[in-house]
Amino acid sequence: MRPEKFYANSTYHVCSTGIESVDLFADEIDCTRFIFLATHLQSPIRMHNVFWYVDSYKKRGAFLAGENKQKEILKNRNVELLAFALTQNSFDLVIKNLEEMALSVYMQRLLTGYSKYYNAKYKRSGHVFSGVFRSKQIKSETDLLSTSAVIHKKPFSKQSPAGKLGGHRWSSHTDYTDHNRWGDLLNTKEILGIFKNPGDYKKFVMGHDTES
């Protein structure tokens, strides 16, 4: 267990990178697998047959976990995913920690699950991620908006997988500015509720100075 304390009902920016010898997200299946884990591990409920869910997304554009399974996750979840973005060798998440230290357990399941998948697929062993994940508590509305803007600008960066893997599917940017593909498994209401409409949020993101 990590030494720092993750407080209940507090929000955190969480990120990590892959070790130098790997591309964390080399193709669409890698991206889809990680997003499935990030969205479906928000409760202690175990998910089986992950490959089937990922394959269903590739074929139909949805994970098809079923309404009852999603309701079960939402009823029992102890973290909430607010935003995410993948680049070729890193990820960023905004997570609301609903129960004390639940974030640690969530991240352990997420990183362990993805590492096992990655090593099996690419016939390798050892670490996939560069050290432990990094986290920063988000303490104000201003900080929350700024963090979300920085994350949602990443699909437009040179290191984004968006260009070679098709659009901006690998971040929640499109879920905020167009249609939320994950339903309540991605909580967009907390941030979008600050704006009059998604268009205003999109303007905020694109006008945000990531160097400030």
C-alpha atoms as a PDB file:
ATOM      1  CA  MET A   1       0.000   0.000   0.000  1.00  0.00           C
ATOM      2  CA  ARG A   2       1.262   3.471  -0.855  1.00  0.00           C
ATOM      3  CA  PRO A   3       2.311   5.612   2.137  1.00  0.00           C
ATOM      4  CA  GLU A   4       0.297   8.717   1.228  1.00  0.00           C
ATOM      5  CA  LYS A   5      -3.272   9.087   2.380  1.00  0.00           C
ATOM      6  CA  PHE A   6      -6.096   9.342  -0.125  1.00  0.00           C
ATOM      7  CA  TYR A   7      -8.977  11.149   1.518  1.00  0.00           C
ATOM      8  CA  ALA A   8     -12.632  10.255   1.074  1.00  0.00           C
ATOM      9  CA  ASN A   9     -14.611  12.552  -1.245  1.00  0.00           C
ATOM     10  CA  SER A  10     -11.395  14.128  -2.570  1.00  0.00           C
ATOM     11  CA  THR A  11     -10.373  14.303  -6.212  1.00  0.00           C
ATOM     12  CA  TYR A  12      -6.935  13.442  -7.577  1.00  0.00           C
ATOM     13  CA  HIS A  13      -4.978  13.772 -10.803  1.00  0.00           C
ATOM     14  CA  VAL A  14      -3.264  10.415 -11.314  1.00  0.00           C
ATOM     15  CA  CYS A  15      -0.708   9.647 -14.001  1.00  0.00           C
ATOM     16  CA  SER A  16       2.050   7.250 -14.992  1.00  0.00           C
ATOM     17  CA  THR A  17       4.360   6.448 -17.900  1.00  0.00           C
ATOM     18  CA  GLY A  18       5.665   3.241 -19.384  1.00  0.00           C
ATOM     19  CA  ILE A  19       9.264   2.175 -19.036  1.00  0.00           C
ATOM     20  CA  GLU A  20      11.558   3.341 -21.819  1.00  0.00           C
ATOM     21  CA  SER A  21      11.536   0.060 -23.735  1.00  0.00           C
ATOM     22  CA  VAL A  22       7.757  -0.129 -24.253  1.00  0.00           C
ATOM     23  CA  ASP A  23       4.934   1.754 -25.882  1.00  0.00           C
ATOM     24  CA  LEU A  24       2.109   1.465 -23.393  1.00  0.00           C
ATOM     25  CA  PHE A  25      -0.552   1.838 -26.077  1.00  0.00           C
ATOM     26  CA  ALA A  26       0.751   0.488 -29.360  1.00  0.00           C
ATOM     27  CA  ASP A  27      -2.601  -0.224 -31.008  1.00  0.00           C
ATOM     28  CA  GLU A  28      -6.369   0.168 -30.635  1.00  0.00           C
ATOM     29  CA  ILE A  29      -6.753  -3.010 -28.595  1.00  0.00           C
ATOM     30  CA  ASP A  30      -4.251  -1.728 -26.006  1.00  0.00           C
ATOM     31  CA  CYS A  31      -6.146   1.550 -25.672  1.00  0.00           C
ATOM     32  CA  THR A  32      -9.512  -0.186 -25.486  1.00  0.00           C
ATOM     33  CA  ARG A  33      -8.289  -2.659 -22.876  1.00  0.00           C
ATOM     34  CA  PHE A  34      -7.004   0.100 -20.599  1.00  0.00           C
ATOM     35  CA  ILE A  35     -10.191   2.163 -20.916  1.00  0.00           C
ATOM     36  CA  PHE A  36     -12.314  -0.891 -20.154  1.00  0.00           C
ATOM     37  CA  LEU A  37     -10.337  -1.511 -16.976  1.00  0.00           C
ATOM     38  CA  ALA A  38     -10.438   2.170 -15.991  1.00  0.00           C
ATOM     39  CA  THR A  39     -14.214   2.358 -16.396  1.00  0.00           C
ATOM     40  CA  HIS A  40     -15.202  -1.061 -15.046  1.00  0.00           C
ATOM     41  CA  LEU A  41     -12.934  -1.427 -12.005  1.00  0.00           C
ATOM     42  CA  GLN A  42     -14.511   1.478 -10.116  1.00  0.00           C
ATOM     43  CA  SER A  43     -16.135  -0.991  -7.723  1.00  0.00           C
ATOM     44  CA  PRO A  44     -14.723  -4.105  -6.014  1.00  0.00           C
ATOM     45  CA  ILE A  45     -16.741  -6.296  -8.414  1.00  0.00           C
ATOM     46  CA  ARG A  46     -14.577  -8.660 -10.444  1.00  0.00           C
ATOM     47  CA  MET A  47     -14.806  -8.526 -14.231  1.00  0.00           C
ATOM     48  CA  HIS A  48     -14.360 -11.777 -16.127  1.00  0.00           C
ATOM     49  CA  ASN A  49     -13.944 -12.399 -19.870  1.00  0.00           C
ATOM     50  CA  VAL A  50     -12.395  -8.981 -20.427  1.00  0.00           C
ATOM     51  CA  PHE A  51     -11.234 -10.034 -23.887  1.00  0.00           C
ATOM     52  CA  TRP A  52     -14.866 -10.527 -24.948  1.00  0.00           C
ATOM     53  CA  TYR A  53     -15.841  -7.038 -23.810  1.00  0.00           C
ATOM     54  CA  VAL A  54     -12.875  -5.474 -25.607  1.00  0.00           C
ATOM     55  CA  ASP A  55     -13.652  -7.420 -28.764  1.00  0.00           C
ATOM     56  CA  SER A  56     -17.281  -6.287 -28.589  1.00  0.00           C
ATOM     57  CA  TYR A  57     -16.115  -2.665 -28.491  1.00  0.00           C
ATOM     58  CA  LYS A  58     -13.976  -3.218 -31.582  1.00  0.00           C
ATOM     59  CA  LYS A  59     -16.938  -4.701 -33.470  1.00  0.00           C
ATOM     60  CA  ARG A  60     -19.844  -2.600 -32.161  1.00  0.00           C
ATOM     61  CA  GLY A  61     -18.359   0.479 -30.516  1.00  0.00           C
ATOM     62  CA  ALA A  62     -19.622  -0.549 -27.073  1.00  0.00           C
ATOM     63  CA  PHE A  63     -18.435  -2.854 -24.306  1.00  0.00           C
ATOM     64  CA  LEU A  64     -21.849  -4.549 -23.972  1.00  0.00           C
ATOM     65  CA  ALA A  65     -21.313  -5.293 -20.302  1.00  0.00           C
ATOM     66  CA  GLY A  66     -25.066  -5.285 -19.832  1.00  0.00           C
ATOM     67  CA  GLU A  67     -27.346  -2.914 -17.955  1.00  0.00           C
ATOM     68  CA  ASN A  68     -27.431  -5.056 -14.812  1.00  0.00           C
ATOM     69  CA  LYS A  69     -23.645  -5.309 -14.623  1.00  0.00           C
ATOM     70  CA  GLN A  70     -23.280  -1.542 -15.053  1.00  0.00           C
ATOM     71  CA  LYS A  71     -25.889  -0.897 -12.343  1.00  0.00           C
ATOM     72  CA  GLU A  72     -24.004  -3.236 -10.024  1.00  0.00           C
ATOM     73  CA  ILE A  73     -20.741  -1.358 -10.635  1.00  0.00           C
ATOM     74  CA  LEU A  74     -22.365   2.035 -10.102  1.00  0.00           C
ATOM     75  CA  LYS A  75     -24.116   0.895  -6.908  1.00  0.00           C
ATOM     76  CA  ASN A  76     -20.895  -0.421  -5.357  1.00  0.00           C
ATOM     77  CA  ARG A  77     -18.207   1.853  -6.751  1.00  0.00           C
ATOM     78  CA  ASN A  78     -15.792   3.521  -4.362  1.00  0.00           C
ATOM     79  CA  VAL A  79     -14.093   5.763  -6.920  1.00  0.00           C
ATOM     80  CA  GLU A  80     -15.475   7.852  -9.789  1.00  0.00           C
ATOM     81  CA  LEU A  81     -13.670   8.377 -13.092  1.00  0.00           C
ATOM     82  CA  LEU A  82     -14.037  12.027 -14.168  1.00  0.00           C
ATOM     83  CA  ALA A  83     -11.592  12.301 -17.073  1.00  0.00           C
ATOM     84  CA  PHE A  84      -8.841  10.398 -18.874  1.00  0.00           C
ATOM     85  CA  ALA A  85      -6.334  10.670 -21.715  1.00  0.00           C
ATOM     86  CA  LEU A  86      -3.878   8.203 -23.217  1.00  0.00           C
ATOM     87  CA  THR A  87      -0.723   9.059 -25.110  1.00  0.00           C
ATOM     88  CA  GLN A  88       1.676   6.636 -26.715  1.00  0.00           C
ATOM     89  CA  ASN A  89       3.540   6.029 -23.470  1.00  0.00           C
ATOM     90  CA  SER A  90       1.494   7.558 -20.651  1.00  0.00           C
ATOM     91  CA  PHE A  91      -1.932   7.999 -19.165  1.00  0.00           C
ATOM     92  CA  ASP A  92      -3.677  10.674 -17.081  1.00  0.00           C
ATOM     93  CA  LEU A  93      -6.800  10.166 -14.991  1.00  0.00           C
ATOM     94  CA  VAL A  94      -8.956  12.412 -12.834  1.00  0.00           C
ATOM     95  CA  ILE A  95     -10.416  10.263 -10.064  1.00  0.00           C
ATOM     96  CA  LYS A  96     -12.781  11.148  -7.238  1.00  0.00           C
ATOM     97  CA  ASN A  97     -11.962   8.981  -4.220  1.00  0.00           C
ATOM     98  CA  LEU A  98     -15.267   8.148  -2.522  1.00  0.00           C
ATOM     99  CA  GLU A  99     -13.871   6.035   0.313  1.00  0.00           C
ATOM    100  CA  GLU A 100     -10.616   6.539   2.203  1.00  0.00           C
ATOM    101  CA  MET A 101      -7.720   4.789   0.416  1.00  0.00           C
ATOM    102  CA  ALA A 102     -10.004   3.256  -2.244  1.00  0.00           C
ATOM    103  CA  LEU A 103      -7.923   4.989  -4.913  1.00  0.00           C
ATOM    104  CA  SER A 104      -4.879   2.885  -3.979  1.00  0.00           C
ATOM    105  CA  VAL A 105      -6.805  -0.346  -4.440  1.00  0.00           C
ATOM    106  CA  TYR A 106      -8.327   0.858  -7.718  1.00  0.00           C
ATOM    107  CA  MET A 107      -4.946   1.815  -9.156  1.00  0.00           C
ATOM    108  CA  GLN A 108      -3.344  -1.440  -8.037  1.00  0.00           C
ATOM    109  CA  ARG A 109      -6.062  -3.418  -9.833  1.00  0.00           C
ATOM    110  CA  LEU A 110      -5.861  -1.208 -12.924  1.00  0.00           C
ATOM    111  CA  LEU A 111      -2.071  -1.290 -13.305  1.00  0.00           C
ATOM    112  CA  THR A 112      -1.712  -4.958 -12.390  1.00  0.00           C
ATOM    113  CA  GLY A 113      -4.492  -5.969 -14.762  1.00  0.00           C
ATOM    114  CA  TYR A 114      -3.056  -3.984 -17.650  1.00  0.00           C
ATOM    115  CA  SER A 115       0.532  -5.140 -16.975  1.00  0.00           C
ATOM    116  CA  LYS A 116      -0.495  -8.817 -17.032  1.00  0.00           C
ATOM    117  CA  TYR A 117      -2.353  -8.288 -20.290  1.00  0.00           C
ATOM    118  CA  TYR A 118       0.528  -6.352 -21.852  1.00  0.00           C
ATOM    119  CA  ASN A 119       3.200  -8.875 -20.904  1.00  0.00           C
ATOM    120  CA  ALA A 120       1.105 -11.783 -22.175  1.00  0.00           C
ATOM    121  CA  LYS A 121       0.304 -10.075 -25.477  1.00  0.00           C
ATOM    122  CA  TYR A 122       3.855  -8.964 -26.227  1.00  0.00           C
ATOM    123  CA  LYS A 123       5.523 -12.083 -24.765  1.00  0.00           C
ATOM    124  CA  ARG A 124       7.618 -10.235 -22.235  1.00  0.00           C
ATOM    125  CA  SER A 125       8.026 -10.119 -18.465  1.00  0.00           C
ATOM    126  CA  GLY A 126       8.838  -7.551 -15.816  1.00  0.00           C
ATOM    127  CA  HIS A 127       7.670  -4.023 -15.186  1.00  0.00           C
ATOM    128  CA  VAL A 128       5.515  -2.178 -17.688  1.00  0.00           C
ATOM    129  CA  PHE A 129       5.056   1.087 -15.812  1.00  0.00           C
ATOM    130  CA  SER A 130       7.893   3.360 -14.710  1.00  0.00           C
ATOM    131  CA  GLY A 131       7.718   3.162 -10.926  1.00  0.00           C
ATOM    132  CA  VAL A 132       4.635   3.857  -8.843  1.00  0.00           C
ATOM    133  CA  PHE A 133       1.869   6.059 -10.171  1.00  0.00           C
ATOM    134  CA  ARG A 134       2.024   9.773  -9.401  1.00  0.00           C
ATOM    135  CA  SER A 135      -0.877  11.593  -7.797  1.00  0.00           C
ATOM    136  CA  LYS A 136      -1.829  15.151  -6.873  1.00  0.00           C
ATOM    137  CA  GLN A 137      -4.847  16.187  -4.867  1.00  0.00           C
ATOM    138  CA  ILE A 138      -7.156  18.636  -6.641  1.00  0.00           C
ATOM    139  CA  LYS A 139      -8.191  21.154  -4.004  1.00  0.00           C
ATOM    140  CA  SER A 140     -10.339  23.708  -5.813  1.00  0.00           C
ATOM    141  CA  GLU A 141     -12.766  24.147  -8.690  1.00  0.00           C
ATOM    142  CA  THR A 142     -10.157  26.216 -10.522  1.00  0.00           C
ATOM    143  CA  ASP A 143      -7.617  23.418 -10.164  1.00  0.00           C
ATOM    144  CA  LEU A 144     -10.168  20.843 -11.346  1.00  0.00           C
ATOM    145  CA  LEU A 145     -10.968  22.834 -14.480  1.00  0.00           C
ATOM    146  CA  SER A 146      -7.314  23.498 -15.245  1.00  0.00           C
ATOM    147  CA  THR A 147      -6.369  19.848 -14.786  1.00  0.00           C
ATOM    148  CA  SER A 148      -9.201  18.659 -17.008  1.00  0.00           C
ATOM    149  CA  ALA A 149      -8.188  21.140 -19.708  1.00  0.00           C
ATOM    150  CA  VAL A 150      -4.554  20.007 -19.640  1.00  0.00           C
ATOM    151  CA  ILE A 151      -5.631  16.366 -19.898  1.00  0.00           C
ATOM    152  CA  HIS A 152      -8.169  17.003 -22.634  1.00  0.00           C
ATOM    153  CA  LYS A 153      -5.635  18.866 -24.744  1.00  0.00           C
ATOM    154  CA  LYS A 154      -3.405  15.804 -24.871  1.00  0.00           C
ATOM    155  CA  PRO A 155      -5.219  14.218 -27.846  1.00  0.00           C
ATOM    156  CA  PHE A 156      -3.980  17.178 -29.869  1.00  0.00           C
ATOM    157  CA  SER A 157      -0.324  16.649 -28.885  1.00  0.00           C
ATOM    158  CA  LYS A 158       2.321  14.990 -31.027  1.00  0.00           C
ATOM    159  CA  GLN A 159       2.595  12.113 -28.553  1.00  0.00           C
ATOM    160  CA  SER A 160      -1.088  11.275 -28.729  1.00  0.00           C
ATOM    161  CA  PRO A 161      -2.069   7.965 -30.325  1.00  0.00           C
ATOM    162  CA  ALA A 162      -5.009   9.822 -31.892  1.00  0.00           C
ATOM    163  CA  GLY A 163      -3.393  10.386 -35.285  1.00  0.00           C
ATOM    164  CA  LYS A 164      -2.440   6.804 -36.094  1.00  0.00           C
ATOM    165  CA  LEU A 165      -5.250   5.146 -34.156  1.00  0.00           C
ATOM    166  CA  GLY A 166      -8.160   7.257 -35.284  1.00  0.00           C
ATOM    167  CA  GLY A 167      -9.513  10.489 -33.886  1.00  0.00           C
ATOM    168  CA  HIS A 168      -9.721  11.386 -30.217  1.00  0.00           C
ATOM    169  CA  ARG A 169     -11.307   8.179 -28.971  1.00  0.00           C
ATOM    170  CA  TRP A 170      -8.536   7.614 -26.483  1.00  0.00           C
ATOM    171  CA  SER A 171      -9.407  10.517 -24.232  1.00  0.00           C
ATOM    172  CA  SER A 172     -12.609  11.691 -22.596  1.00  0.00           C
ATOM    173  CA  HIS A 173     -12.431  14.973 -24.559  1.00  0.00           C
ATOM    174  CA  THR A 174     -15.077  13.755 -27.006  1.00  0.00           C
ATOM    175  CA  ASP A 175     -17.252  12.522 -24.118  1.00  0.00           C
ATOM    176  CA  TYR A 176     -17.367  16.080 -22.792  1.00  0.00           C
ATOM    177  CA  THR A 177     -17.840  17.895 -26.067  1.00  0.00           C
ATOM    178  CA  ASP A 178     -20.030  15.470 -28.021  1.00  0.00           C
ATOM    179  CA  HIS A 179     -21.512  12.244 -26.610  1.00  0.00           C
ATOM    180  CA  ASN A 180     -20.567  10.417 -23.411  1.00  0.00           C
ATOM    181  CA  ARG A 181     -19.802   6.907 -24.667  1.00  0.00           C
ATOM    182  CA  TRP A 182     -19.553   5.349 -21.201  1.00  0.00           C
ATOM    183  CA  GLY A 183     -22.717   6.667 -19.575  1.00  0.00           C
ATOM    184  CA  ASP A 184     -22.500   7.017 -15.812  1.00  0.00           C
ATOM    185  CA  LEU A 185     -19.231   5.038 -15.746  1.00  0.00           C
ATOM    186  CA  LEU A 186     -17.648   8.384 -16.670  1.00  0.00           C
ATOM    187  CA  ASN A 187     -18.862  11.258 -14.510  1.00  0.00           C
ATOM    188  CA  THR A 188     -18.874  14.312 -16.789  1.00  0.00           C
ATOM    189  CA  LYS A 189     -21.571  16.143 -14.840  1.00  0.00           C
ATOM    190  CA  GLU A 190     -19.294  17.500 -12.118  1.00  0.00           C
ATOM    191  CA  ILE A 191     -17.210  19.519 -14.587  1.00  0.00           C
ATOM    192  CA  LEU A 192     -19.802  20.223 -17.293  1.00  0.00           C
ATOM    193  CA  GLY A 193     -22.195  21.495 -14.628  1.00  0.00           C
ATOM    194  CA  ILE A 194     -19.930  24.520 -14.199  1.00  0.00           C
ATOM    195  CA  PHE A 195     -20.609  25.595 -17.808  1.00  0.00           C
ATOM    196  CA  LYS A 196     -23.761  26.566 -19.649  1.00  0.00           C
ATOM    197  CA  ASN A 197     -23.234  23.901 -22.299  1.00  0.00           C
ATOM    198  CA  PRO A 198     -20.567  21.507 -23.678  1.00  0.00           C
ATOM    199  CA  GLY A 199     -19.634  24.073 -26.319  1.00  0.00           C
ATOM    200  CA  ASP A 200     -18.517  26.527 -23.650  1.00  0.00           C
ATOM    201  CA  TYR A 201     -16.415  23.817 -22.034  1.00  0.00           C
ATOM    202  CA  LYS A 202     -14.798  22.995 -25.384  1.00  0.00           C
ATOM    203  CA  LYS A 203     -13.885  26.658 -25.858  1.00  0.00           C
ATOM    204  CA  PHE A 204     -12.433  26.727 -22.352  1.00  0.00           C
ATOM    205  CA  VAL A 205     -10.247  23.696 -23.061  1.00  0.00           C
ATOM    206  CA  MET A 206      -8.954  24.915 -26.403  1.00  0.00           C
ATOM    207  CA  GLY A 207      -8.250  28.376 -24.985  1.00  0.00           C
ATOM    208  CA  HIS A 208      -6.533  27.122 -21.858  1.00  0.00           C
ATOM    209  CA  ASP A 209      -2.821  27.889 -21.535  1.00  0.00           C
ATOM    210  CA  THR A 210      -1.194  24.605 -20.547  1.00  0.00           C
ATOM    211  CA  GLU A 211       2.030  26.414 -19.675  1.00  0.00           C
ATOM    212  CA  SER A 212       0.440  28.594 -17.010  1.00  0.00           C
END
